[in-house]
Amino acid sequence: MSKQKYIHIITILGLISIFSLQSLWLCNTYFFVKEEIKKECTDLFDQALYKEANIISKSVPEGTVIGGGAPNDSISITTYIYDGISKLGYKYSLSEIDSLTDLQLSKKNINSEFIVCVIDSSKTIQTSKKITIPKLGIIKTEVIPIKLDKSIGMQLVLINPYWNIFNKMWIIFITTIIMTILTIVCTVYQIKYIFKLNKISQIREDFSYAMVHDMKTPLSTIMMVQDMLKSGRLEGKPEIKNKYMNIAESETYHLFALTNKILTISKLENHKLEMNRTEVELTPIIEKLTEKFKAKAQKPVNFIISLQAKTAYADNDYLGEVISNLIDNAIKYSKESV
């Protein structure tokens, strides 16, 4: 498996882990906020029931005492009042409780459709409105007993509490979205940067290989001339000897040019490279290269020159290097004759 595939897999696993943690965090926050709203609505509903019970108590004959619980009693005072007035024959008003509950919720900016339910042994026996209560997406408060034996109680049900939940966690929600976007952007940028570094590394390797290949060519030519001079085969042939000496000299300059090429690449990476573009005569460059490759080639090489222009606007050294590389590759990758 390539490095890029490993990077892709690790990145995907990392993003999945981050999104999973953020999703878990959002879910936990959602349930926490939902539980807070439930507790707050339970207290508000208890206050509404207490007010409705007090309204009924005003109709009770003077001198009538409705008992309360002991200090630190877990049973709400509202339960004692409702139990007492029910024994006196007074009945609660769901419409009044509905109105008082709406007033209490509005004070706390809880804007949600709701319904008041009378619960008997965990079953709804009466509602303040004729609305079908959905099974999902609702918030039910704690059941507040209106009988001391807790056989009957009242419960507030919020039908569509989503806006209230979002209103309490919108900062967290938006922060999570921003964090997710930043995570994706940073991850994509890092992946591109890593791939860019890998590409640069590959280019460096290719460049090193090409440089070694280019240096071997002039070195082999110089060694060939040296061998011919040592063998004595060129003695008595001053013209041929001079020709090969010129080729060796040319290849020596070629090595210097390759050394300068490395310096040029360094300048290119540091954005300091300047091309010396001038009107370059093509014929001298071509003739020089054809003589060099004819002399050093290990197989028959035939050059057919057909220049469509005598000059070119270019950097003299780099243009010669380009043509030299093309010829060298043509000889290297061709068959017995070129």
C-alpha atoms as a PDB file:
ATOM      1  CA  MET A   1       0.000   0.000   0.000  1.00  0.00           C
ATOM      2  CA  SER A   2       1.375   3.423  -0.985  1.00  0.00           C
ATOM      3  CA  LYS A   3       2.038   6.255   1.444  1.00  0.00           C
ATOM      4  CA  GLN A   4      -0.793   8.300  -0.065  1.00  0.00           C
ATOM      5  CA  LYS A   5      -3.305   5.526   0.686  1.00  0.00           C
ATOM      6  CA  TYR A   6      -2.069   5.350   4.281  1.00  0.00           C
ATOM      7  CA  ILE A   7      -2.474   9.121   4.575  1.00  0.00           C
ATOM      8  CA  HIS A   8      -6.012   8.897   3.140  1.00  0.00           C
ATOM      9  CA  ILE A   9      -6.991   6.119   5.564  1.00  0.00           C
ATOM     10  CA  ILE A  10      -5.488   7.845   8.610  1.00  0.00           C
ATOM     11  CA  THR A  11      -7.125  11.147   7.625  1.00  0.00           C
ATOM     12  CA  ILE A  12     -10.542   9.554   7.134  1.00  0.00           C
ATOM     13  CA  LEU A  13     -10.277   7.712  10.468  1.00  0.00           C
ATOM     14  CA  GLY A  14      -9.213  10.945  12.165  1.00  0.00           C
ATOM     15  CA  LEU A  15     -12.131  12.903  10.691  1.00  0.00           C
ATOM     16  CA  ILE A  16     -14.578  10.145  11.660  1.00  0.00           C
ATOM     17  CA  SER A  17     -13.227  10.221  15.228  1.00  0.00           C
ATOM     18  CA  ILE A  18     -13.506  14.016  15.426  1.00  0.00           C
ATOM     19  CA  PHE A  19     -17.043  14.056  14.004  1.00  0.00           C
ATOM     20  CA  SER A  20     -18.050  11.211  16.331  1.00  0.00           C
ATOM     21  CA  LEU A  21     -16.769  13.096  19.380  1.00  0.00           C
ATOM     22  CA  GLN A  22     -18.503  16.297  18.259  1.00  0.00           C
ATOM     23  CA  SER A  23     -21.740  14.403  17.619  1.00  0.00           C
ATOM     24  CA  LEU A  24     -21.510  12.783  21.055  1.00  0.00           C
ATOM     25  CA  TRP A  25     -20.854  16.178  22.601  1.00  0.00           C
ATOM     26  CA  LEU A  26     -23.853  17.709  20.816  1.00  0.00           C
ATOM     27  CA  CYS A  27     -26.098  14.808  21.837  1.00  0.00           C
ATOM     28  CA  ASN A  28     -25.047  15.071  25.472  1.00  0.00           C
ATOM     29  CA  THR A  29     -25.569  18.835  25.376  1.00  0.00           C
ATOM     30  CA  TYR A  30     -28.989  18.341  23.779  1.00  0.00           C
ATOM     31  CA  PHE A  31     -30.135  15.923  26.479  1.00  0.00           C
ATOM     32  CA  PHE A  32     -28.684  18.159  29.202  1.00  0.00           C
ATOM     33  CA  VAL A  33     -30.539  21.226  27.872  1.00  0.00           C
ATOM     34  CA  LYS A  34     -33.694  19.156  27.449  1.00  0.00           C
ATOM     35  CA  GLU A  35     -33.452  18.028  31.062  1.00  0.00           C
ATOM     36  CA  GLU A  36     -32.949  21.643  32.194  1.00  0.00           C
ATOM     37  CA  ILE A  37     -36.054  22.743  30.292  1.00  0.00           C
ATOM     38  CA  LYS A  38     -37.966  19.857  31.841  1.00  0.00           C
ATOM     39  CA  LYS A  39     -36.978  20.906  35.379  1.00  0.00           C
ATOM     40  CA  GLU A  40     -37.718  24.558  34.668  1.00  0.00           C
ATOM     41  CA  CYS A  41     -41.135  23.747  33.177  1.00  0.00           C
ATOM     42  CA  THR A  42     -41.925  21.485  36.151  1.00  0.00           C
ATOM     43  CA  ASP A  43     -41.314  24.413  38.523  1.00  0.00           C
ATOM     44  CA  LEU A  44     -43.327  26.806  36.343  1.00  0.00           C
ATOM     45  CA  PHE A  45     -46.173  24.316  36.054  1.00  0.00           C
ATOM     46  CA  ASP A  46     -46.158  23.816  39.833  1.00  0.00           C
ATOM     47  CA  GLN A  47     -46.413  27.595  40.288  1.00  0.00           C
ATOM     48  CA  ALA A  48     -49.361  27.736  37.856  1.00  0.00           C
ATOM     49  CA  LEU A  49     -51.121  24.944  39.763  1.00  0.00           C
ATOM     50  CA  TYR A  50     -50.433  26.716  43.050  1.00  0.00           C
ATOM     51  CA  LYS A  51     -52.017  29.920  41.734  1.00  0.00           C
ATOM     52  CA  GLU A  52     -55.065  28.053  40.422  1.00  0.00           C
ATOM     53  CA  ALA A  53     -55.427  26.246  43.765  1.00  0.00           C
ATOM     54  CA  ASN A  54     -55.289  29.589  45.617  1.00  0.00           C
ATOM     55  CA  ILE A  55     -58.011  30.972  43.339  1.00  0.00           C
ATOM     56  CA  ILE A  56     -60.226  28.020  44.248  1.00  0.00           C
ATOM     57  CA  SER A  57     -59.337  28.418  47.938  1.00  0.00           C
ATOM     58  CA  LYS A  58     -60.875  31.874  47.915  1.00  0.00           C
ATOM     59  CA  SER A  59     -64.268  30.216  47.411  1.00  0.00           C
ATOM     60  CA  VAL A  60     -63.814  28.084  50.526  1.00  0.00           C
ATOM     61  CA  PRO A  61     -65.980  29.218  53.513  1.00  0.00           C
ATOM     62  CA  GLU A  62     -64.213  31.396  56.015  1.00  0.00           C
ATOM     63  CA  GLY A  63     -62.673  29.554  58.888  1.00  0.00           C
ATOM     64  CA  THR A  64     -61.992  26.439  56.822  1.00  0.00           C
ATOM     65  CA  VAL A  65     -58.446  25.194  57.369  1.00  0.00           C
ATOM     66  CA  ILE A  66     -56.629  23.257  54.692  1.00  0.00           C
ATOM     67  CA  GLY A  67     -53.763  21.335  56.281  1.00  0.00           C
ATOM     68  CA  GLY A  68     -50.190  21.494  55.091  1.00  0.00           C
ATOM     69  CA  GLY A  69     -47.239  19.202  55.394  1.00  0.00           C
ATOM     70  CA  ALA A  70     -44.493  19.097  57.956  1.00  0.00           C
ATOM     71  CA  PRO A  71     -41.305  21.144  57.454  1.00  0.00           C
ATOM     72  CA  ASN A  72     -38.952  19.682  54.808  1.00  0.00           C
ATOM     73  CA  ASP A  73     -41.813  17.538  53.537  1.00  0.00           C
ATOM     74  CA  SER A  74     -41.117  16.100  50.047  1.00  0.00           C
ATOM     75  CA  ILE A  75     -44.758  16.582  49.054  1.00  0.00           C
ATOM     76  CA  SER A  76     -45.480  19.948  47.425  1.00  0.00           C
ATOM     77  CA  ILE A  77     -47.769  22.432  49.193  1.00  0.00           C
ATOM     78  CA  THR A  78     -49.761  22.463  45.950  1.00  0.00           C
ATOM     79  CA  THR A  79     -50.641  18.793  46.486  1.00  0.00           C
ATOM     80  CA  TYR A  80     -51.936  19.514  50.036  1.00  0.00           C
ATOM     81  CA  ILE A  81     -54.081  22.404  48.774  1.00  0.00           C
ATOM     82  CA  TYR A  82     -55.615  20.404  45.897  1.00  0.00           C
ATOM     83  CA  ASP A  83     -56.226  17.419  48.148  1.00  0.00           C
ATOM     84  CA  GLY A  84     -57.897  19.637  50.737  1.00  0.00           C
ATOM     85  CA  ILE A  85     -60.185  21.514  48.343  1.00  0.00           C
ATOM     86  CA  SER A  86     -61.155  18.282  46.558  1.00  0.00           C
ATOM     87  CA  LYS A  87     -62.336  16.875  49.894  1.00  0.00           C
ATOM     88  CA  LEU A  88     -64.489  19.968  50.279  1.00  0.00           C
ATOM     89  CA  GLY A  89     -66.076  19.226  46.886  1.00  0.00           C
ATOM     90  CA  TYR A  90     -64.229  21.784  44.801  1.00  0.00           C
ATOM     91  CA  LYS A  91     -62.798  20.780  41.426  1.00  0.00           C
ATOM     92  CA  TYR A  92     -59.871  22.127  39.458  1.00  0.00           C
ATOM     93  CA  SER A  93     -60.344  24.000  36.151  1.00  0.00           C
ATOM     94  CA  LEU A  94     -58.135  22.742  33.297  1.00  0.00           C
ATOM     95  CA  SER A  95     -58.846  25.828  31.214  1.00  0.00           C
ATOM     96  CA  GLU A  96     -57.724  28.051  34.078  1.00  0.00           C
ATOM     97  CA  ILE A  97     -54.619  25.930  34.649  1.00  0.00           C
ATOM     98  CA  ASP A  98     -53.888  26.119  30.907  1.00  0.00           C
ATOM     99  CA  SER A  99     -54.099  29.938  30.942  1.00  0.00           C
ATOM    100  CA  LEU A 100     -51.952  30.293  34.070  1.00  0.00           C
ATOM    101  CA  THR A 101     -49.377  27.867  32.660  1.00  0.00           C
ATOM    102  CA  ASP A 102     -49.215  29.843  29.423  1.00  0.00           C
ATOM    103  CA  LEU A 103     -48.611  32.988  31.459  1.00  0.00           C
ATOM    104  CA  GLN A 104     -45.838  31.346  33.501  1.00  0.00           C
ATOM    105  CA  LEU A 105     -44.098  29.963  30.390  1.00  0.00           C
ATOM    106  CA  SER A 106     -44.293  33.319  28.602  1.00  0.00           C
ATOM    107  CA  LYS A 107     -42.497  35.007  31.508  1.00  0.00           C
ATOM    108  CA  LYS A 108     -39.522  32.690  30.893  1.00  0.00           C
ATOM    109  CA  ASN A 109     -39.717  33.050  27.080  1.00  0.00           C
ATOM    110  CA  ILE A 110     -40.637  29.411  26.641  1.00  0.00           C
ATOM    111  CA  ASN A 111     -42.685  29.566  23.473  1.00  0.00           C
ATOM    112  CA  SER A 112     -44.028  26.115  22.749  1.00  0.00           C
ATOM    113  CA  GLU A 113     -47.373  24.513  22.143  1.00  0.00           C
ATOM    114  CA  PHE A 114     -48.368  22.565  25.241  1.00  0.00           C
ATOM    115  CA  ILE A 115     -51.132  20.551  26.792  1.00  0.00           C
ATOM    116  CA  VAL A 116     -52.060  19.907  30.425  1.00  0.00           C
ATOM    117  CA  CYS A 117     -52.837  16.267  31.205  1.00  0.00           C
ATOM    118  CA  VAL A 118     -54.562  14.676  34.182  1.00  0.00           C
ATOM    119  CA  ILE A 119     -52.804  11.418  35.016  1.00  0.00           C
ATOM    120  CA  ASP A 120     -54.446   8.511  36.828  1.00  0.00           C
ATOM    121  CA  SER A 121     -52.177   5.528  37.478  1.00  0.00           C
ATOM    122  CA  SER A 122     -49.825   6.524  34.623  1.00  0.00           C
ATOM    123  CA  LYS A 123     -52.764   6.904  32.210  1.00  0.00           C
ATOM    124  CA  THR A 124     -54.029  10.164  30.762  1.00  0.00           C
ATOM    125  CA  ILE A 125     -57.706  10.565  31.674  1.00  0.00           C
ATOM    126  CA  GLN A 126     -58.235  14.200  30.735  1.00  0.00           C
ATOM    127  CA  THR A 127     -56.476  16.925  28.713  1.00  0.00           C
ATOM    128  CA  SER A 128     -56.835  20.699  28.513  1.00  0.00           C
ATOM    129  CA  LYS A 129     -56.900  20.607  24.701  1.00  0.00           C
ATOM    130  CA  LYS A 130     -58.034  18.154  22.079  1.00  0.00           C
ATOM    131  CA  ILE A 131     -54.582  17.555  20.622  1.00  0.00           C
ATOM    132  CA  THR A 132     -53.015  14.243  19.727  1.00  0.00           C
ATOM    133  CA  ILE A 133     -49.795  13.950  21.693  1.00  0.00           C
ATOM    134  CA  PRO A 134     -46.949  12.602  19.520  1.00  0.00           C
ATOM    135  CA  LYS A 135     -44.710   9.893  20.906  1.00  0.00           C
ATOM    136  CA  LEU A 136     -41.448  11.569  19.881  1.00  0.00           C
ATOM    137  CA  GLY A 137     -40.106  15.114  20.091  1.00  0.00           C
ATOM    138  CA  ILE A 138     -41.921  16.139  23.272  1.00  0.00           C
ATOM    139  CA  ILE A 139     -40.927  17.113  26.787  1.00  0.00           C
ATOM    140  CA  LYS A 140     -42.971  15.833  29.720  1.00  0.00           C
ATOM    141  CA  THR A 141     -42.637  17.462  33.121  1.00  0.00           C
ATOM    142  CA  GLU A 142     -42.691  15.528  36.344  1.00  0.00           C
ATOM    143  CA  VAL A 143     -46.177  14.488  37.432  1.00  0.00           C
ATOM    144  CA  ILE A 144     -47.370  16.799  40.220  1.00  0.00           C
ATOM    145  CA  PRO A 145     -49.830  14.910  42.478  1.00  0.00           C
ATOM    146  CA  ILE A 146     -53.128  16.548  43.373  1.00  0.00           C
ATOM    147  CA  LYS A 147     -53.961  13.718  45.781  1.00  0.00           C
ATOM    148  CA  LEU A 148     -51.900  12.870  48.830  1.00  0.00           C
ATOM    149  CA  ASP A 149     -51.962   9.192  47.864  1.00  0.00           C
ATOM    150  CA  LYS A 150     -50.511  10.247  44.488  1.00  0.00           C
ATOM    151  CA  SER A 151     -53.234   8.370  42.635  1.00  0.00           C
ATOM    152  CA  ILE A 152     -54.030  11.412  40.504  1.00  0.00           C
ATOM    153  CA  GLY A 153     -51.604  14.002  39.249  1.00  0.00           C
ATOM    154  CA  MET A 154     -51.115  16.615  36.581  1.00  0.00           C
ATOM    155  CA  GLN A 155     -48.442  16.799  33.930  1.00  0.00           C
ATOM    156  CA  LEU A 156     -47.401  19.435  31.407  1.00  0.00           C
ATOM    157  CA  VAL A 157     -46.421  18.245  27.943  1.00  0.00           C
ATOM    158  CA  LEU A 158     -44.487  20.521  25.530  1.00  0.00           C
ATOM    159  CA  ILE A 159     -45.442  19.506  21.979  1.00  0.00           C
ATOM    160  CA  ASN A 160     -42.718  21.249  19.956  1.00  0.00           C
ATOM    161  CA  PRO A 161     -39.868  22.315  22.245  1.00  0.00           C
ATOM    162  CA  TYR A 162     -37.162  22.315  19.551  1.00  0.00           C
ATOM    163  CA  TRP A 163     -36.887  26.073  19.245  1.00  0.00           C
ATOM    164  CA  ASN A 164     -36.504  26.425  23.002  1.00  0.00           C
ATOM    165  CA  ILE A 165     -33.772  23.808  23.007  1.00  0.00           C
ATOM    166  CA  PHE A 166     -31.978  25.456  20.081  1.00  0.00           C
ATOM    167  CA  ASN A 167     -32.354  28.868  21.718  1.00  0.00           C
ATOM    168  CA  LYS A 168     -30.378  27.589  24.698  1.00  0.00           C
ATOM    169  CA  MET A 169     -27.656  25.796  22.735  1.00  0.00           C
ATOM    170  CA  TRP A 170     -27.333  27.849  19.535  1.00  0.00           C
ATOM    171  CA  ILE A 171     -23.897  29.165  20.571  1.00  0.00           C
ATOM    172  CA  ILE A 172     -22.627  25.605  21.054  1.00  0.00           C
ATOM    173  CA  PHE A 173     -24.272  24.528  17.794  1.00  0.00           C
ATOM    174  CA  ILE A 174     -22.709  27.339  15.738  1.00  0.00           C
ATOM    175  CA  THR A 175     -19.335  26.826  17.458  1.00  0.00           C
ATOM    176  CA  THR A 176     -19.458  23.148  16.533  1.00  0.00           C
ATOM    177  CA  ILE A 177     -20.218  23.989  12.891  1.00  0.00           C
ATOM    178  CA  ILE A 178     -17.333  26.475  12.777  1.00  0.00           C
ATOM    179  CA  MET A 179     -14.982  23.943  14.397  1.00  0.00           C
ATOM    180  CA  THR A 180     -16.082  21.281  11.912  1.00  0.00           C
ATOM    181  CA  ILE A 181     -15.492  23.577   8.942  1.00  0.00           C
ATOM    182  CA  LEU A 182     -12.091  24.619  10.288  1.00  0.00           C
ATOM    183  CA  THR A 183     -11.174  20.976  10.891  1.00  0.00           C
ATOM    184  CA  ILE A 184     -12.100  20.023   7.326  1.00  0.00           C
ATOM    185  CA  VAL A 185     -10.288  23.028   5.820  1.00  0.00           C
ATOM    186  CA  CYS A 186      -7.137  22.451   7.900  1.00  0.00           C
ATOM    187  CA  THR A 187      -7.164  18.713   7.147  1.00  0.00           C
ATOM    188  CA  VAL A 188      -7.558  19.270   3.408  1.00  0.00           C
ATOM    189  CA  TYR A 189      -4.790  21.883   3.499  1.00  0.00           C
ATOM    190  CA  GLN A 190      -2.484  19.516   5.388  1.00  0.00           C
ATOM    191  CA  ILE A 191      -3.194  16.678   2.952  1.00  0.00           C
ATOM    192  CA  LYS A 192      -2.435  18.943  -0.017  1.00  0.00           C
ATOM    193  CA  TYR A 193       0.718  20.146   1.724  1.00  0.00           C
ATOM    194  CA  ILE A 194       1.849  16.572   2.421  1.00  0.00           C
ATOM    195  CA  PHE A 195       1.189  15.567  -1.192  1.00  0.00           C
ATOM    196  CA  LYS A 196       3.088  18.649  -2.350  1.00  0.00           C
ATOM    197  CA  LEU A 197       6.042  17.682  -0.160  1.00  0.00           C
ATOM    198  CA  ASN A 198       5.915  14.133  -1.535  1.00  0.00           C
ATOM    199  CA  LYS A 199       5.842  15.498  -5.067  1.00  0.00           C
ATOM    200  CA  ILE A 200       8.793  17.775  -4.341  1.00  0.00           C
ATOM    201  CA  SER A 201      10.647  14.813  -2.820  1.00  0.00           C
ATOM    202  CA  GLN A 202       9.944  12.750  -5.947  1.00  0.00           C
ATOM    203  CA  ILE A 203      11.128  15.608  -8.157  1.00  0.00           C
ATOM    204  CA  ARG A 204      14.323  15.805  -6.122  1.00  0.00           C
ATOM    205  CA  GLU A 205      14.909  12.084  -6.573  1.00  0.00           C
ATOM    206  CA  ASP A 206      14.267  12.341 -10.311  1.00  0.00           C
ATOM    207  CA  PHE A 207      16.533  15.362 -10.504  1.00  0.00           C
ATOM    208  CA  SER A 208      19.344  13.551  -8.642  1.00  0.00           C
ATOM    209  CA  TYR A 209      19.017  10.592 -11.001  1.00  0.00           C
ATOM    210  CA  ALA A 210      19.037  12.877 -14.038  1.00  0.00           C
ATOM    211  CA  MET A 211      22.072  14.758 -12.744  1.00  0.00           C
ATOM    212  CA  VAL A 212      24.006  11.530 -12.191  1.00  0.00           C
ATOM    213  CA  HIS A 213      23.000  10.393 -15.678  1.00  0.00           C
ATOM    214  CA  ASP A 214      24.057  13.709 -17.209  1.00  0.00           C
ATOM    215  CA  MET A 215      27.401  13.646 -15.422  1.00  0.00           C
ATOM    216  CA  LYS A 216      28.151  10.096 -16.527  1.00  0.00           C
ATOM    217  CA  THR A 217      27.896  11.119 -20.190  1.00  0.00           C
ATOM    218  CA  PRO A 218      30.694  13.738 -20.251  1.00  0.00           C
ATOM    219  CA  LEU A 219      32.814  11.639 -17.905  1.00  0.00           C
ATOM    220  CA  SER A 220      32.556   8.610 -20.195  1.00  0.00           C
ATOM    221  CA  THR A 221      33.479  10.801 -23.174  1.00  0.00           C
ATOM    222  CA  ILE A 222      36.531  12.192 -21.400  1.00  0.00           C
ATOM    223  CA  MET A 223      37.574   8.686 -20.350  1.00  0.00           C
ATOM    224  CA  MET A 224      37.180   7.459 -23.949  1.00  0.00           C
ATOM    225  CA  VAL A 225      39.414  10.276 -25.266  1.00  0.00           C
ATOM    226  CA  GLN A 226      41.906   9.562 -22.521  1.00  0.00           C
ATOM    227  CA  ASP A 227      42.014   5.864 -23.450  1.00  0.00           C
ATOM    228  CA  MET A 228      42.547   6.675 -27.132  1.00  0.00           C
ATOM    229  CA  LEU A 229      45.376   9.049 -26.260  1.00  0.00           C
ATOM    230  CA  LYS A 230      47.022   6.476 -24.013  1.00  0.00           C
ATOM    231  CA  SER A 231      46.670   3.713 -26.583  1.00  0.00           C
ATOM    232  CA  GLY A 232      48.711   5.704 -29.142  1.00  0.00           C
ATOM    233  CA  ARG A 233      46.180   5.207 -31.903  1.00  0.00           C
ATOM    234  CA  LEU A 234      46.017   8.943 -32.486  1.00  0.00           C
ATOM    235  CA  GLU A 235      49.797   9.373 -32.920  1.00  0.00           C
ATOM    236  CA  GLY A 236      50.553  10.742 -36.354  1.00  0.00           C
ATOM    237  CA  LYS A 237      46.931  11.915 -36.745  1.00  0.00           C
ATOM    238  CA  PRO A 238      47.045  15.503 -35.474  1.00  0.00           C
ATOM    239  CA  GLU A 239      43.670  16.502 -36.947  1.00  0.00           C
ATOM    240  CA  ILE A 240      41.786  13.611 -35.372  1.00  0.00           C
ATOM    241  CA  LYS A 241      43.712  14.041 -32.127  1.00  0.00           C
ATOM    242  CA  ASN A 242      42.859  17.722 -32.006  1.00  0.00           C
ATOM    243  CA  LYS A 243      39.195  16.887 -32.724  1.00  0.00           C
ATOM    244  CA  TYR A 244      38.988  14.490 -29.782  1.00  0.00           C
ATOM    245  CA  MET A 245      40.823  16.917 -27.520  1.00  0.00           C
ATOM    246  CA  ASN A 246      38.243  19.539 -28.380  1.00  0.00           C
ATOM    247  CA  ILE A 247      35.478  17.067 -27.541  1.00  0.00           C
ATOM    248  CA  ALA A 248      37.120  16.306 -24.177  1.00  0.00           C
ATOM    249  CA  GLU A 249      37.418  20.027 -23.503  1.00  0.00           C
ATOM    250  CA  SER A 250      33.783  20.522 -24.446  1.00  0.00           C
ATOM    251  CA  GLU A 251      32.692  17.767 -22.074  1.00  0.00           C
ATOM    252  CA  THR A 252      34.752  19.321 -19.310  1.00  0.00           C
ATOM    253  CA  TYR A 253      32.828  22.533 -19.811  1.00  0.00           C
ATOM    254  CA  HIS A 254      29.701  20.393 -19.819  1.00  0.00           C
ATOM    255  CA  LEU A 255      30.536  19.146 -16.327  1.00  0.00           C
ATOM    256  CA  PHE A 256      30.986  22.717 -15.186  1.00  0.00           C
ATOM    257  CA  ALA A 257      27.632  23.518 -16.738  1.00  0.00           C
ATOM    258  CA  LEU A 258      25.988  20.687 -14.807  1.00  0.00           C
ATOM    259  CA  THR A 259      27.531  21.995 -11.609  1.00  0.00           C
ATOM    260  CA  ASN A 260      26.095  25.390 -12.391  1.00  0.00           C
ATOM    261  CA  LYS A 261      22.779  23.681 -13.059  1.00  0.00           C
ATOM    262  CA  ILE A 262      22.646  22.496  -9.455  1.00  0.00           C
ATOM    263  CA  LEU A 263      23.270  26.055  -8.322  1.00  0.00           C
ATOM    264  CA  THR A 264      20.573  27.216 -10.719  1.00  0.00           C
ATOM    265  CA  ILE A 265      18.033  24.810  -9.202  1.00  0.00           C
ATOM    266  CA  SER A 266      18.908  26.182  -5.773  1.00  0.00           C
ATOM    267  CA  LYS A 267      18.247  29.688  -7.080  1.00  0.00           C
ATOM    268  CA  LEU A 268      14.982  28.499  -8.593  1.00  0.00           C
ATOM    269  CA  GLU A 269      13.782  27.112  -5.256  1.00  0.00           C
ATOM    270  CA  ASN A 270      14.670  30.394  -3.572  1.00  0.00           C
ATOM    271  CA  HIS A 271      12.955  32.408  -6.339  1.00  0.00           C
ATOM    272  CA  LYS A 272      16.263  34.017  -7.383  1.00  0.00           C
ATOM    273  CA  LEU A 273      16.636  32.479 -10.846  1.00  0.00           C
ATOM    274  CA  GLU A 274      17.049  34.860 -13.770  1.00  0.00           C
ATOM    275  CA  MET A 275      17.061  33.690 -17.390  1.00  0.00           C
ATOM    276  CA  ASN A 276      19.524  35.475 -19.677  1.00  0.00           C
ATOM    277  CA  ARG A 277      17.380  35.452 -22.787  1.00  0.00           C
ATOM    278  CA  THR A 278      18.993  36.669 -25.992  1.00  0.00           C
ATOM    279  CA  GLU A 279      18.875  36.015 -29.719  1.00  0.00           C
ATOM    280  CA  VAL A 280      20.729  32.677 -29.892  1.00  0.00           C
ATOM    281  CA  GLU A 281      22.225  31.299 -33.105  1.00  0.00           C
ATOM    282  CA  LEU A 282      20.940  27.723 -33.453  1.00  0.00           C
ATOM    283  CA  THR A 283      23.391  26.389 -36.082  1.00  0.00           C
ATOM    284  CA  PRO A 284      26.545  26.545 -33.879  1.00  0.00           C
ATOM    285  CA  ILE A 285      24.726  24.808 -31.022  1.00  0.00           C
ATOM    286  CA  ILE A 286      23.434  22.034 -33.285  1.00  0.00           C
ATOM    287  CA  GLU A 287      26.788  21.473 -35.005  1.00  0.00           C
ATOM    288  CA  LYS A 288      28.612  21.334 -31.679  1.00  0.00           C
ATOM    289  CA  LEU A 289      26.171  18.785 -30.289  1.00  0.00           C
ATOM    290  CA  THR A 290      26.156  16.584 -33.410  1.00  0.00           C
ATOM    291  CA  GLU A 291      29.965  16.362 -33.387  1.00  0.00           C
ATOM    292  CA  LYS A 292      29.970  15.479 -29.707  1.00  0.00           C
ATOM    293  CA  PHE A 293      27.398  12.693 -29.965  1.00  0.00           C
ATOM    294  CA  LYS A 294      28.812  11.239 -33.172  1.00  0.00           C
ATOM    295  CA  ALA A 295      32.169  10.928 -31.461  1.00  0.00           C
ATOM    296  CA  LYS A 296      31.002   9.304 -28.242  1.00  0.00           C
ATOM    297  CA  ALA A 297      28.080   7.167 -29.497  1.00  0.00           C
ATOM    298  CA  GLN A 298      28.609   3.393 -29.243  1.00  0.00           C
ATOM    299  CA  LYS A 299      26.291   2.735 -32.214  1.00  0.00           C
ATOM    300  CA  PRO A 300      25.732   4.338 -35.626  1.00  0.00           C
ATOM    301  CA  VAL A 301      24.140   7.772 -35.335  1.00  0.00           C
ATOM    302  CA  ASN A 302      22.845   9.800 -38.263  1.00  0.00           C
ATOM    303  CA  PHE A 303      21.758  13.437 -37.897  1.00  0.00           C
ATOM    304  CA  ILE A 304      19.367  15.115 -40.331  1.00  0.00           C
ATOM    305  CA  ILE A 305      19.240  18.848 -39.605  1.00  0.00           C
ATOM    306  CA  SER A 306      16.288  20.895 -40.801  1.00  0.00           C
ATOM    307  CA  LEU A 307      16.069  24.215 -38.957  1.00  0.00           C
ATOM    308  CA  GLN A 308      12.893  26.226 -39.504  1.00  0.00           C
ATOM    309  CA  ALA A 309      14.540  29.275 -37.888  1.00  0.00           C
ATOM    310  CA  LYS A 310      18.135  30.412 -37.631  1.00  0.00           C
ATOM    311  CA  THR A 311      17.772  32.021 -34.208  1.00  0.00           C
ATOM    312  CA  ALA A 312      15.719  31.623 -31.044  1.00  0.00           C
ATOM    313  CA  TYR A 313      14.988  33.988 -28.177  1.00  0.00           C
ATOM    314  CA  ALA A 314      16.219  31.917 -25.230  1.00  0.00           C
ATOM    315  CA  ASP A 315      18.911  31.348 -22.638  1.00  0.00           C
ATOM    316  CA  ASN A 316      21.913  29.989 -24.542  1.00  0.00           C
ATOM    317  CA  ASP A 317      23.096  27.537 -21.872  1.00  0.00           C
ATOM    318  CA  TYR A 318      19.671  26.093 -21.064  1.00  0.00           C
ATOM    319  CA  LEU A 319      18.640  25.785 -24.697  1.00  0.00           C
ATOM    320  CA  GLY A 320      21.809  23.805 -25.424  1.00  0.00           C
ATOM    321  CA  GLU A 321      21.086  21.627 -22.375  1.00  0.00           C
ATOM    322  CA  VAL A 322      17.543  20.912 -23.564  1.00  0.00           C
ATOM    323  CA  ILE A 323      18.666  19.861 -27.063  1.00  0.00           C
ATOM    324  CA  SER A 324      21.529  17.804 -25.608  1.00  0.00           C
ATOM    325  CA  ASN A 325      19.132  15.892 -23.344  1.00  0.00           C
ATOM    326  CA  LEU A 326      16.788  15.188 -26.256  1.00  0.00           C
ATOM    327  CA  ILE A 327      19.624  13.815 -28.405  1.00  0.00           C
ATOM    328  CA  ASP A 328      21.062  11.792 -25.526  1.00  0.00           C
ATOM    329  CA  ASN A 329      17.680  10.162 -24.789  1.00  0.00           C
ATOM    330  CA  ALA A 330      17.118   9.481 -28.488  1.00  0.00           C
ATOM    331  CA  ILE A 331      20.424   7.587 -28.650  1.00  0.00           C
ATOM    332  CA  LYS A 332      19.879   5.816 -25.343  1.00  0.00           C
ATOM    333  CA  TYR A 333      16.347   4.533 -26.026  1.00  0.00           C
ATOM    334  CA  SER A 334      16.689   3.767 -29.776  1.00  0.00           C
ATOM    335  CA  LYS A 335      17.617   0.486 -31.395  1.00  0.00           C
ATOM    336  CA  GLU A 336      20.945  -0.415 -33.030  1.00  0.00           C
ATOM    337  CA  SER A 337      20.968   2.553 -35.368  1.00  0.00           C
ATOM    338  CA  VAL A 338      19.770   6.070 -34.576  1.00  0.00           C
END
